[in-house]
N, C-alpha and C. Protein backbone atom coordinates (compact mmCIF):
# COMPACT_ATOMS: atom_id res chain seq x y z
N UNK A 1 113.24 90.23 79.27
CA UNK A 1 113.80 89.34 80.26
C UNK A 1 112.70 88.73 81.11
N UNK A 2 111.80 89.54 81.64
CA UNK A 2 110.77 89.02 82.56
C UNK A 2 109.81 88.06 81.87
N UNK A 3 109.35 88.44 80.68
CA UNK A 3 108.41 87.56 79.98
C UNK A 3 109.10 86.25 79.61
N UNK A 4 110.32 86.32 79.09
CA UNK A 4 111.03 85.11 78.70
C UNK A 4 111.31 84.24 79.92
N UNK A 5 111.69 84.84 81.04
CA UNK A 5 111.94 84.07 82.26
C UNK A 5 110.67 83.36 82.72
N UNK A 6 109.53 84.04 82.62
CA UNK A 6 108.27 83.42 83.00
C UNK A 6 107.91 82.30 82.02
N UNK A 7 107.94 82.62 80.71
CA UNK A 7 107.49 81.66 79.70
C UNK A 7 108.42 80.45 79.59
N UNK A 8 109.72 80.68 79.69
CA UNK A 8 110.69 79.59 79.50
C UNK A 8 111.13 78.96 80.81
N UNK A 9 111.06 79.72 81.90
CA UNK A 9 111.57 79.22 83.17
C UNK A 9 110.52 78.84 84.19
N UNK A 10 109.36 79.47 84.12
CA UNK A 10 108.30 79.16 85.10
C UNK A 10 107.25 78.21 84.56
N UNK A 11 106.74 78.48 83.35
CA UNK A 11 105.62 77.68 82.84
C UNK A 11 106.00 76.80 81.66
N UNK A 12 107.23 76.89 81.17
CA UNK A 12 107.73 75.96 80.18
C UNK A 12 107.07 75.97 78.82
N UNK A 13 106.66 77.15 78.34
CA UNK A 13 106.06 77.21 77.00
C UNK A 13 107.08 77.64 75.94
N UNK A 14 108.28 78.03 76.38
CA UNK A 14 109.39 78.34 75.47
C UNK A 14 110.61 77.54 75.93
N UNK A 15 111.57 77.38 75.02
CA UNK A 15 112.81 76.70 75.36
C UNK A 15 113.54 77.49 76.44
N UNK A 16 114.07 76.87 77.45
CA UNK A 16 114.37 75.45 77.64
C UNK A 16 113.24 74.64 78.29
N UNK A 17 112.04 75.17 78.34
CA UNK A 17 110.86 74.44 78.82
C UNK A 17 110.98 74.03 80.29
N UNK A 18 111.54 74.92 81.10
CA UNK A 18 111.66 74.66 82.52
C UNK A 18 110.33 74.98 83.21
N UNK A 19 110.17 74.44 84.39
CA UNK A 19 109.00 74.72 85.23
C UNK A 19 109.50 75.10 86.62
N UNK A 20 108.98 76.21 87.13
CA UNK A 20 109.33 76.64 88.48
C UNK A 20 110.75 77.13 88.65
N UNK A 21 111.40 77.52 87.57
CA UNK A 21 112.79 77.98 87.64
C UNK A 21 112.95 79.36 87.00
N UNK A 22 111.87 80.16 87.05
CA UNK A 22 111.90 81.48 86.43
C UNK A 22 112.96 82.40 86.98
N UNK A 23 113.13 82.40 88.30
CA UNK A 23 114.14 83.27 88.90
C UNK A 23 115.53 82.90 88.39
N UNK A 24 115.82 81.62 88.38
CA UNK A 24 117.12 81.15 87.90
C UNK A 24 117.35 81.58 86.45
N UNK A 25 116.32 81.45 85.63
CA UNK A 25 116.45 81.83 84.22
C UNK A 25 116.58 83.35 84.08
N UNK A 26 115.86 84.10 84.92
CA UNK A 26 115.96 85.55 84.88
C UNK A 26 117.40 85.99 85.20
N UNK A 27 118.00 85.37 86.19
CA UNK A 27 119.39 85.69 86.55
C UNK A 27 120.32 85.42 85.36
N UNK A 28 120.12 84.30 84.68
CA UNK A 28 120.94 83.98 83.50
C UNK A 28 120.77 85.03 82.40
N UNK A 29 119.53 85.43 82.15
CA UNK A 29 119.27 86.43 81.11
C UNK A 29 119.87 87.79 81.47
N UNK A 30 119.76 88.18 82.72
CA UNK A 30 120.35 89.46 83.14
C UNK A 30 121.86 89.39 83.05
N UNK A 31 122.44 88.28 83.48
CA UNK A 31 123.90 88.13 83.38
C UNK A 31 124.33 88.26 81.91
N UNK A 32 123.60 87.65 81.00
CA UNK A 32 123.92 87.73 79.57
C UNK A 32 123.77 89.16 79.04
N UNK A 33 122.72 89.86 79.47
CA UNK A 33 122.49 91.24 79.03
C UNK A 33 123.62 92.15 79.50
N UNK A 34 124.04 91.98 80.73
CA UNK A 34 125.14 92.79 81.27
C UNK A 34 126.43 92.51 80.52
N UNK A 35 126.72 91.22 80.27
CA UNK A 35 127.93 90.86 79.53
C UNK A 35 127.89 91.41 78.11
N UNK A 36 126.73 91.35 77.47
CA UNK A 36 126.60 91.89 76.11
C UNK A 36 126.84 93.39 76.10
N UNK A 37 126.26 94.09 77.06
CA UNK A 37 126.45 95.54 77.13
C UNK A 37 127.92 95.88 77.36
N UNK A 38 128.57 95.15 78.27
CA UNK A 38 129.98 95.39 78.54
C UNK A 38 130.83 95.14 77.29
N UNK A 39 130.49 94.10 76.52
CA UNK A 39 131.24 93.81 75.28
C UNK A 39 131.04 94.93 74.26
N UNK A 40 129.82 95.39 74.12
CA UNK A 40 129.54 96.50 73.19
C UNK A 40 130.29 97.75 73.63
N UNK A 41 130.23 98.05 74.93
CA UNK A 41 130.90 99.24 75.45
C UNK A 41 132.41 99.17 75.29
N UNK A 42 132.99 97.96 75.27
CA UNK A 42 134.44 97.84 75.08
C UNK A 42 134.84 98.26 73.67
N UNK A 43 133.90 98.20 72.73
CA UNK A 43 134.15 98.61 71.35
C UNK A 43 133.71 100.05 71.12
N UNK A 44 132.55 100.40 71.71
CA UNK A 44 132.01 101.76 71.55
C UNK A 44 131.60 102.29 72.92
N UNK A 45 132.48 103.05 73.55
CA UNK A 45 132.19 103.56 74.90
C UNK A 45 130.98 104.49 74.99
N UNK A 46 130.48 104.97 73.86
CA UNK A 46 129.32 105.86 73.88
C UNK A 46 128.00 105.13 73.66
N UNK A 47 128.06 103.82 73.46
CA UNK A 47 126.84 103.03 73.19
C UNK A 47 125.87 103.12 74.37
N UNK A 48 124.58 103.10 74.03
CA UNK A 48 123.53 103.10 75.05
C UNK A 48 122.65 101.88 74.82
N UNK A 49 121.90 101.53 75.82
CA UNK A 49 121.03 100.36 75.75
C UNK A 49 119.62 100.76 76.14
N UNK A 50 118.65 100.05 75.59
CA UNK A 50 117.25 100.20 75.97
C UNK A 50 116.82 98.87 76.58
N UNK A 51 116.30 98.90 77.79
CA UNK A 51 115.84 97.70 78.47
C UNK A 51 114.31 97.71 78.47
N UNK A 52 113.73 96.87 77.64
CA UNK A 52 112.26 96.85 77.50
C UNK A 52 111.68 95.70 78.32
N UNK A 53 110.70 96.03 79.13
CA UNK A 53 110.01 95.06 79.98
C UNK A 53 108.52 95.33 79.95
N UNK A 54 107.71 94.29 80.18
CA UNK A 54 106.26 94.53 80.26
C UNK A 54 105.92 95.36 81.49
N UNK A 55 105.03 96.31 81.32
CA UNK A 55 104.53 97.11 82.43
C UNK A 55 103.11 96.62 82.71
N UNK A 56 102.97 95.86 83.77
CA UNK A 56 101.69 95.25 84.09
C UNK A 56 101.26 95.66 85.50
N UNK A 57 99.98 95.44 85.78
CA UNK A 57 99.44 95.76 87.11
C UNK A 57 98.41 94.70 87.49
N UNK A 58 98.61 94.08 88.64
CA UNK A 58 97.65 93.12 89.18
C UNK A 58 96.67 93.83 90.10
N UNK A 59 95.44 93.32 90.10
CA UNK A 59 94.38 93.87 90.95
C UNK A 59 93.65 92.71 91.63
N UNK A 60 93.01 93.02 92.72
CA UNK A 60 92.12 92.06 93.38
C UNK A 60 90.73 92.27 92.79
N UNK A 61 90.10 91.18 92.42
CA UNK A 61 88.76 91.26 91.82
C UNK A 61 87.80 91.90 92.83
N UNK A 62 86.96 92.83 92.40
CA UNK A 62 86.05 93.51 93.33
C UNK A 62 85.01 92.56 93.94
N UNK A 63 84.79 91.39 93.34
CA UNK A 63 83.82 90.45 93.89
C UNK A 63 84.36 89.65 95.07
N UNK A 64 85.65 89.79 95.39
CA UNK A 64 86.20 89.12 96.57
C UNK A 64 85.71 89.88 97.79
N UNK A 65 84.83 89.27 98.55
CA UNK A 65 84.22 89.97 99.69
C UNK A 65 84.80 89.54 101.03
N UNK A 66 85.34 88.34 101.11
CA UNK A 66 85.94 87.89 102.36
C UNK A 66 87.17 88.76 102.65
N UNK A 67 87.14 89.45 103.78
CA UNK A 67 88.19 90.42 104.11
C UNK A 67 89.57 89.78 104.23
N UNK A 68 89.62 88.60 104.82
CA UNK A 68 90.93 87.94 104.96
C UNK A 68 91.48 87.55 103.58
N UNK A 69 90.63 86.98 102.74
CA UNK A 69 91.07 86.62 101.38
C UNK A 69 91.47 87.87 100.61
N UNK A 70 90.69 88.93 100.72
CA UNK A 70 91.00 90.18 100.03
C UNK A 70 92.35 90.74 100.49
N UNK A 71 92.57 90.72 101.80
CA UNK A 71 93.82 91.23 102.36
C UNK A 71 95.02 90.40 101.85
N UNK A 72 94.87 89.06 101.83
CA UNK A 72 95.95 88.20 101.35
C UNK A 72 96.22 88.41 99.86
N UNK A 73 95.15 88.51 99.08
CA UNK A 73 95.31 88.75 97.66
C UNK A 73 95.94 90.12 97.40
N UNK A 74 95.53 91.12 98.16
CA UNK A 74 96.09 92.46 97.99
C UNK A 74 97.57 92.47 98.33
N UNK A 75 97.94 91.74 99.36
CA UNK A 75 99.36 91.66 99.74
C UNK A 75 100.17 91.05 98.58
N UNK A 76 99.64 89.99 97.97
CA UNK A 76 100.31 89.37 96.82
C UNK A 76 100.38 90.30 95.62
N UNK A 77 99.27 91.01 95.35
CA UNK A 77 99.25 91.96 94.23
C UNK A 77 100.25 93.09 94.47
N UNK A 78 100.29 93.60 95.69
CA UNK A 78 101.23 94.69 96.00
C UNK A 78 102.67 94.23 95.82
N UNK A 79 102.98 93.02 96.27
CA UNK A 79 104.34 92.49 96.11
C UNK A 79 104.68 92.38 94.63
N UNK A 80 103.77 91.83 93.85
CA UNK A 80 104.01 91.69 92.41
C UNK A 80 104.20 93.06 91.77
N UNK A 81 103.30 94.00 92.07
CA UNK A 81 103.34 95.32 91.44
C UNK A 81 104.57 96.13 91.84
N UNK A 82 105.00 96.00 93.09
CA UNK A 82 106.10 96.82 93.57
C UNK A 82 107.47 96.17 93.42
N UNK A 83 107.50 94.82 93.39
CA UNK A 83 108.78 94.13 93.32
C UNK A 83 108.99 93.39 92.00
N UNK A 84 108.08 92.50 91.66
CA UNK A 84 108.29 91.61 90.52
C UNK A 84 108.30 92.36 89.20
N UNK A 85 107.38 93.31 89.02
CA UNK A 85 107.29 94.03 87.74
C UNK A 85 108.62 94.71 87.41
N UNK A 86 109.32 95.22 88.40
CA UNK A 86 110.57 95.96 88.17
C UNK A 86 111.82 95.12 88.45
N UNK A 87 111.64 93.85 88.70
CA UNK A 87 112.77 93.01 89.12
C UNK A 87 113.92 92.98 88.11
N UNK A 88 113.62 92.79 86.83
CA UNK A 88 114.70 92.76 85.83
C UNK A 88 115.39 94.11 85.75
N UNK A 89 114.61 95.20 85.77
CA UNK A 89 115.22 96.54 85.79
C UNK A 89 116.14 96.68 87.01
N UNK A 90 115.65 96.25 88.17
CA UNK A 90 116.44 96.35 89.40
C UNK A 90 117.74 95.56 89.31
N UNK A 91 117.67 94.39 88.68
CA UNK A 91 118.87 93.56 88.53
C UNK A 91 119.86 94.22 87.57
N UNK A 92 119.37 94.70 86.43
CA UNK A 92 120.24 95.38 85.47
C UNK A 92 120.88 96.62 86.09
N UNK A 93 120.13 97.33 86.92
CA UNK A 93 120.62 98.57 87.54
C UNK A 93 121.51 98.30 88.75
N UNK A 94 121.66 97.04 89.15
CA UNK A 94 122.50 96.71 90.30
C UNK A 94 121.85 96.97 91.63
N UNK A 95 120.54 97.21 91.64
CA UNK A 95 119.82 97.48 92.90
C UNK A 95 119.59 96.21 93.69
N UNK A 96 119.42 95.08 92.99
CA UNK A 96 119.33 93.78 93.63
C UNK A 96 120.28 92.83 92.90
N UNK A 97 120.71 91.79 93.56
CA UNK A 97 121.69 90.82 93.04
C UNK A 97 122.90 91.57 92.47
N UNK A 98 123.54 92.39 93.30
CA UNK A 98 124.65 93.22 92.82
C UNK A 98 125.83 92.42 92.28
N UNK A 99 125.95 91.16 92.68
CA UNK A 99 127.06 90.35 92.20
C UNK A 99 127.01 90.11 90.68
N UNK A 100 125.86 90.40 90.05
CA UNK A 100 125.77 90.30 88.60
C UNK A 100 126.52 91.43 87.90
N UNK A 101 126.81 92.51 88.63
CA UNK A 101 127.59 93.60 88.07
C UNK A 101 126.79 94.69 87.39
N UNK A 102 125.48 94.71 87.62
CA UNK A 102 124.64 95.73 87.00
C UNK A 102 124.90 97.12 87.57
N UNK A 103 124.46 98.11 86.81
CA UNK A 103 124.56 99.51 87.24
C UNK A 103 123.45 100.28 86.53
N UNK A 104 123.22 101.52 86.92
CA UNK A 104 122.21 102.32 86.24
C UNK A 104 122.53 102.45 84.76
N UNK A 105 123.82 102.45 84.42
CA UNK A 105 124.22 102.51 83.02
C UNK A 105 123.82 101.24 82.26
N UNK A 106 123.90 100.09 82.93
CA UNK A 106 123.49 98.83 82.30
C UNK A 106 121.99 98.80 82.04
N UNK A 107 121.23 99.45 82.88
CA UNK A 107 119.78 99.53 82.66
C UNK A 107 119.48 100.41 81.45
N UNK A 108 120.16 101.52 81.35
CA UNK A 108 120.00 102.40 80.20
C UNK A 108 118.63 103.06 80.17
N UNK A 109 118.09 103.18 78.97
CA UNK A 109 116.76 103.76 78.78
C UNK A 109 115.74 102.72 79.24
N UNK A 110 114.81 103.13 80.07
CA UNK A 110 113.76 102.22 80.55
C UNK A 110 112.66 102.18 79.49
N UNK A 111 112.49 101.01 78.89
CA UNK A 111 111.43 100.81 77.89
C UNK A 111 110.30 100.02 78.51
N UNK A 112 109.07 100.42 78.21
CA UNK A 112 107.91 99.69 78.73
C UNK A 112 107.07 99.18 77.57
N UNK A 113 106.69 97.93 77.68
CA UNK A 113 105.76 97.30 76.74
C UNK A 113 104.40 97.32 77.42
N UNK A 114 103.48 98.09 76.86
CA UNK A 114 102.20 98.33 77.54
C UNK A 114 101.05 98.20 76.55
N UNK A 115 100.12 97.31 76.87
CA UNK A 115 98.96 97.02 76.03
C UNK A 115 97.68 97.10 76.85
N UNK A 116 96.56 97.03 76.14
CA UNK A 116 95.25 97.04 76.81
C UNK A 116 95.13 95.96 77.87
N UNK A 117 95.68 94.80 77.61
CA UNK A 117 95.54 93.68 78.53
C UNK A 117 96.58 93.62 79.63
N UNK A 118 97.25 94.72 79.92
CA UNK A 118 98.32 94.70 80.90
C UNK A 118 97.87 94.94 82.34
N UNK A 119 96.57 95.04 82.56
CA UNK A 119 96.05 95.14 83.92
C UNK A 119 94.96 94.08 84.08
N UNK A 120 95.11 93.23 85.09
CA UNK A 120 94.15 92.15 85.28
C UNK A 120 94.01 91.80 86.74
N UNK A 121 92.96 91.03 87.05
CA UNK A 121 92.73 90.59 88.41
C UNK A 121 93.40 89.24 88.64
N UNK A 122 93.70 88.98 89.88
CA UNK A 122 94.26 87.69 90.28
C UNK A 122 93.14 86.66 90.25
N UNK A 123 93.39 85.56 89.57
CA UNK A 123 92.40 84.48 89.53
C UNK A 123 92.32 83.81 90.90
N UNK A 124 91.13 83.42 91.28
CA UNK A 124 90.90 82.64 92.51
C UNK A 124 90.12 81.39 92.10
N UNK A 125 89.97 80.43 93.02
CA UNK A 125 89.20 79.24 92.66
C UNK A 125 87.77 79.56 92.20
N UNK A 126 87.20 80.64 92.70
CA UNK A 126 85.81 80.97 92.32
C UNK A 126 85.70 82.11 91.30
N UNK A 127 86.80 82.82 91.04
CA UNK A 127 86.77 83.95 90.11
C UNK A 127 87.91 83.82 89.10
N UNK A 128 87.59 83.73 87.82
CA UNK A 128 88.66 83.65 86.82
C UNK A 128 89.36 84.99 86.68
N UNK A 129 90.53 84.93 86.09
CA UNK A 129 91.27 86.16 85.78
C UNK A 129 90.40 87.04 84.89
N UNK A 130 90.41 88.33 85.20
CA UNK A 130 89.60 89.30 84.45
C UNK A 130 90.50 90.44 84.03
N UNK A 131 90.51 90.76 82.73
CA UNK A 131 91.30 91.89 82.23
C UNK A 131 90.48 93.17 82.39
N UNK A 132 91.11 94.17 82.97
CA UNK A 132 90.44 95.44 83.20
C UNK A 132 90.44 96.28 81.94
N UNK A 133 89.36 96.99 81.72
CA UNK A 133 89.28 97.98 80.66
C UNK A 133 89.60 99.35 81.22
N UNK A 134 89.87 100.29 80.33
CA UNK A 134 90.21 101.65 80.78
C UNK A 134 89.07 102.32 81.53
N UNK A 135 87.85 101.82 81.35
CA UNK A 135 86.70 102.39 82.05
C UNK A 135 86.48 101.77 83.42
N UNK A 136 87.28 100.79 83.79
CA UNK A 136 87.15 100.14 85.10
C UNK A 136 87.65 101.10 86.18
N UNK A 137 86.92 101.24 87.28
CA UNK A 137 87.36 102.16 88.34
C UNK A 137 88.72 101.80 88.95
N UNK A 138 89.11 100.53 88.86
CA UNK A 138 90.39 100.11 89.42
C UNK A 138 91.57 100.35 88.47
N UNK A 139 91.29 100.63 87.20
CA UNK A 139 92.34 100.85 86.21
C UNK A 139 93.28 101.95 86.67
N UNK A 140 94.58 101.68 86.63
CA UNK A 140 95.57 102.69 86.97
C UNK A 140 96.04 103.33 85.67
N UNK A 141 95.90 104.65 85.53
CA UNK A 141 96.31 105.30 84.28
C UNK A 141 97.80 105.09 83.98
N UNK A 142 98.10 105.00 82.71
CA UNK A 142 99.48 104.81 82.28
C UNK A 142 100.38 105.90 82.85
N UNK A 143 99.92 107.12 82.89
CA UNK A 143 100.76 108.22 83.41
C UNK A 143 101.19 107.94 84.85
N UNK A 144 100.31 107.31 85.64
CA UNK A 144 100.66 106.98 87.03
C UNK A 144 101.70 105.86 87.09
N UNK A 145 101.55 104.86 86.23
CA UNK A 145 102.52 103.77 86.19
C UNK A 145 103.89 104.28 85.73
N UNK A 146 103.88 105.17 84.74
CA UNK A 146 105.14 105.75 84.28
C UNK A 146 105.79 106.63 85.35
N UNK A 147 104.98 107.34 86.10
CA UNK A 147 105.50 108.17 87.20
C UNK A 147 106.19 107.29 88.24
N UNK A 148 105.59 106.15 88.57
CA UNK A 148 106.20 105.23 89.52
C UNK A 148 107.58 104.78 89.03
N UNK A 149 107.67 104.43 87.75
CA UNK A 149 108.97 104.02 87.20
C UNK A 149 109.95 105.17 87.21
N UNK A 150 109.50 106.35 86.85
CA UNK A 150 110.37 107.52 86.85
C UNK A 150 110.88 107.81 88.26
N UNK A 151 110.01 107.73 89.25
CA UNK A 151 110.42 107.95 90.63
C UNK A 151 111.46 106.91 91.07
N UNK A 152 111.33 105.70 90.56
CA UNK A 152 112.21 104.61 90.96
C UNK A 152 113.55 104.65 90.24
N UNK A 153 113.55 104.93 88.93
CA UNK A 153 114.76 104.80 88.12
C UNK A 153 115.25 106.09 87.49
N UNK A 154 114.45 107.13 87.51
CA UNK A 154 114.80 108.32 86.77
C UNK A 154 114.52 108.10 85.29
N UNK A 155 115.06 108.94 84.46
CA UNK A 155 114.76 108.81 83.04
C UNK A 155 116.00 108.47 82.25
N UNK A 156 115.89 108.36 81.00
CA UNK A 156 114.67 108.47 80.21
C UNK A 156 113.84 107.19 80.23
N UNK A 157 112.55 107.35 79.92
CA UNK A 157 111.61 106.24 79.81
C UNK A 157 110.90 106.39 78.47
N UNK A 158 110.74 105.27 77.76
CA UNK A 158 110.01 105.30 76.50
C UNK A 158 108.99 104.15 76.49
N UNK A 159 107.94 104.34 75.72
CA UNK A 159 107.01 103.23 75.48
C UNK A 159 107.60 102.48 74.28
N UNK A 160 108.12 101.29 74.55
CA UNK A 160 108.83 100.53 73.52
C UNK A 160 107.90 99.65 72.70
N UNK A 161 106.77 99.26 73.24
CA UNK A 161 105.75 98.51 72.51
C UNK A 161 104.38 98.91 73.03
N UNK A 162 103.44 99.00 72.14
CA UNK A 162 102.05 99.19 72.52
C UNK A 162 101.18 98.89 71.30
N UNK A 163 99.92 98.85 71.52
CA UNK A 163 99.00 98.62 70.42
C UNK A 163 97.69 98.06 70.93
N UNK A 164 96.78 97.91 70.00
CA UNK A 164 95.46 97.39 70.31
C UNK A 164 94.95 96.71 69.05
N UNK A 165 93.78 96.14 69.14
CA UNK A 165 93.22 95.42 68.01
C UNK A 165 91.84 95.94 67.66
N UNK A 166 91.49 95.75 66.41
CA UNK A 166 90.14 95.98 65.89
C UNK A 166 89.58 97.33 66.29
N UNK A 167 88.34 97.33 66.82
CA UNK A 167 87.61 98.56 67.09
C UNK A 167 88.22 99.42 68.19
N UNK A 168 89.00 98.84 69.09
CA UNK A 168 89.54 99.64 70.20
C UNK A 168 90.84 100.35 69.82
N UNK A 169 91.36 100.11 68.64
CA UNK A 169 92.63 100.69 68.22
C UNK A 169 92.65 102.22 68.26
N UNK A 170 91.68 102.95 67.67
CA UNK A 170 91.75 104.42 67.68
C UNK A 170 91.72 105.01 69.10
N UNK A 171 90.88 104.48 69.97
CA UNK A 171 90.79 105.01 71.33
C UNK A 171 92.03 104.72 72.15
N UNK A 172 92.68 103.59 71.88
CA UNK A 172 93.88 103.23 72.62
C UNK A 172 94.98 104.25 72.37
N UNK A 173 95.16 104.62 71.11
CA UNK A 173 96.23 105.58 70.83
C UNK A 173 95.81 106.98 71.23
């Protein structure tokens, strides 16, 4: 839901090729997911759902030395990490936008799509976006990110997608 809302609703690289309407598209996708789950449950009351979303983390680049800029960037990163990353889960669970009819049952199993490139710095006019490696001191271990989700939603939680490429593949797993 989150990736599709961003790609199709915010930056227009997928159909319907909207720009700046990611929230609106996310609401439509969540409404559709809830309706689909309700339809499935009307046929099979024991059915369960897995809600897979990207698990990402934004960081402030360590080269940002201006304290005011660093503070503003950190505030944006914190908002993204604490609110936006879990927004679709929150909507499905009925924690936000309750008029959509979500509940913890609609969220189901929390699935996370997590890859090497899922932690990066916020780009600034003078610093491009930088993807963090696992050896970066700012890297947040996956176990910590999963703990945050568990504390927020309970379980179960599964890694629904992951992987790496070329030489980094063995170490990633």
